[in-house]
Protein backbone atom coordinates (compact mmCIF):
# COMPACT_ATOMS: atom_id res chain seq x y z
CA MET A 1 6.17 -0.96 -1.87
CA PRO A 2 5.09 0.75 -5.10
CA ALA A 3 7.65 1.54 -7.78
CA LYS A 4 7.11 5.28 -7.33
CA GLU A 5 5.84 6.74 -4.10
CA LYS A 6 3.03 9.27 -4.24
CA THR A 7 3.35 12.68 -2.65
CA LEU A 8 0.53 14.32 -0.70
CA GLU A 9 0.06 16.59 -3.71
CA ASP A 10 -0.35 13.53 -5.98
CA THR A 11 -3.02 12.19 -3.65
CA ARG A 12 -4.79 15.55 -3.38
CA ARG A 13 -4.88 15.64 -7.18
CA PHE A 14 -6.23 12.06 -7.26
CA VAL A 15 -9.16 12.75 -4.89
CA SER A 16 -9.95 16.03 -6.69
CA MET A 17 -10.00 14.30 -10.08
CA VAL A 18 -12.19 11.45 -8.77
CA ALA A 19 -14.64 13.94 -7.27
CA GLU A 20 -14.76 16.07 -10.42
CA LYS A 21 -15.13 13.08 -12.76
CA ASN A 22 -18.06 11.71 -10.74
CA GLY A 23 -19.78 15.01 -9.95
CA TRP A 24 -19.07 14.71 -6.22
CA LYS A 25 -17.75 17.23 -3.74
CA LEU A 26 -14.92 16.73 -1.29
CA ASN A 27 -15.40 17.11 2.45
CA PRO A 28 -15.45 20.86 3.11
CA ASP A 29 -13.60 20.48 6.45
CA LYS A 30 -10.05 21.14 5.25
CA ASP A 31 -8.34 19.57 8.29
CA PHE A 32 -10.46 16.41 8.11
CA LEU A 33 -9.93 16.25 4.34
CA GLU A 34 -6.17 16.52 4.83
CA ASP A 35 -6.28 13.64 7.36
CA LEU A 36 -8.08 11.47 4.79
CA VAL A 37 -5.63 12.45 2.05
CA SER A 38 -2.71 11.63 4.38
CA GLY A 39 -4.22 8.21 5.12
CA LEU A 40 -4.77 7.46 1.44
CA ASN A 41 -1.25 8.61 0.65
CA ALA A 42 0.28 6.44 3.38
CA ASN A 43 -1.73 3.44 2.18
CA PHE A 44 -0.65 3.97 -1.43
CA ASN A 45 2.98 4.16 -0.41
CA ARG A 46 2.58 1.07 1.80
CA TYR A 47 0.51 -1.14 -0.54
CA GLY A 48 0.76 0.36 -4.02
CA TYR A 49 -2.92 1.30 -4.24
CA TYR A 50 -5.28 3.80 -2.63
CA LEU A 51 -6.70 1.60 0.11
CA CYS A 52 -9.58 3.21 2.01
CA PRO A 53 -8.07 5.09 4.96
CA CYS A 54 -11.06 4.27 7.18
CA ARG A 55 -11.00 0.49 6.91
CA ASP A 56 -8.50 -2.23 7.67
CA GLY A 57 -7.18 -4.00 4.61
CA THR A 58 -5.01 -7.03 4.16
CA GLY A 59 -2.40 -5.42 1.94
CA GLU A 60 -3.32 -7.94 -0.77
CA ARG A 61 -4.86 -6.10 -3.70
CA GLU A 62 -7.23 -8.92 -4.70
CA LYS A 63 -8.65 -9.21 -1.17
CA ASP A 64 -8.86 -5.43 -0.80
CA LYS A 65 -10.26 -4.61 -4.25
CA ASP A 66 -13.69 -3.63 -2.88
CA ILE A 67 -12.14 -1.00 -0.61
CA ILE A 68 -9.79 0.65 -3.08
CA CYS A 69 -10.77 4.30 -3.24
CA PRO A 70 -13.34 5.13 -4.41
CA CYS A 71 -14.62 1.91 -2.86
CA ASP A 72 -17.48 -0.27 -4.08
CA TYR A 73 -19.67 1.05 -1.25
CA ASN A 74 -19.18 4.73 -2.08
CA VAL A 75 -22.14 5.20 -4.43
CA PRO A 76 -24.69 3.31 -2.29
CA ASP A 77 -23.50 5.23 0.79
CA GLN A 78 -23.82 8.55 -1.01
CA LYS A 79 -27.27 7.66 -2.31
CA GLU A 80 -28.53 6.72 1.14
CA TYR A 81 -26.52 8.95 3.49
CA GLY A 82 -25.19 11.81 1.33
CA HIS A 83 -21.53 10.84 1.68
CA CYS A 84 -19.22 7.85 1.67
CA PHE A 85 -18.18 5.87 4.76
CA CYS A 86 -15.06 8.01 5.26
CA ALA A 87 -16.90 11.27 4.52
CA LEU A 88 -14.36 12.02 1.80
CA PHE A 89 -16.85 12.26 -1.09
CA PHE A 90 -20.27 13.92 -0.85
CA ARG A 91 -23.30 14.27 -3.06
CA PRO A 92 -23.39 17.97 -4.02
CA ASP A 93 -27.07 18.36 -3.17
CA TYR A 94 -26.48 16.91 0.30
CA LEU A 95 -23.87 19.56 1.07
CA ASP A 96 -25.87 22.31 -0.64
CA GLU A 97 -28.81 21.51 1.64
CA GLY A 98 -26.60 21.80 4.73
CA GLY A 99 -25.98 18.09 5.22
CA GLU A 100 -23.30 17.20 7.75
CA PRO A 101 -21.09 14.13 7.95
CA GLN A 102 -22.66 11.43 10.06
CA SER A 103 -21.69 7.99 11.22
CA ILE A 104 -23.02 5.43 8.75
CA PRO A 105 -23.12 1.64 8.97
CA GLU A 106 -20.42 -0.48 7.40
CA ARG A 107 -21.66 -2.10 4.17
CA ARG A 108 -18.61 -4.29 3.68
CA PRO A 109 -19.54 -7.90 4.46
CA GLU A 110 -17.96 -9.20 7.67
CA ASP A 111 -16.24 -12.05 5.86
CA LEU A 112 -14.27 -9.47 3.83
CA GLN A 113 -13.31 -7.37 6.82
CA PHE A 114 -9.75 -7.81 8.01
CA GLN A 115 -9.69 -9.53 11.38
């Protein structure tokens, strides 16, 4: 349990700052975005870090470091598919051209996936 729990507003601020800093856009579907924010918030309050809400982690920071948001697979996913695995962060041009979230393959190696 982290020393100080994060509120949903803290987590909304976090994802907005990450998107702005990197020149990304957030998922325009407000309900879906709120589900992702809720998952990130719950994971932070459970583990003490923003574990990807769309993947299973171990709860051990060192083992989960590749899937701490924004995860190591975010940029390659955005380059190839227009958005990250969770569809939280999007390339602006992808959205501007009418791109929609799509199912994309998992890049995380199987030996790192929580079984």
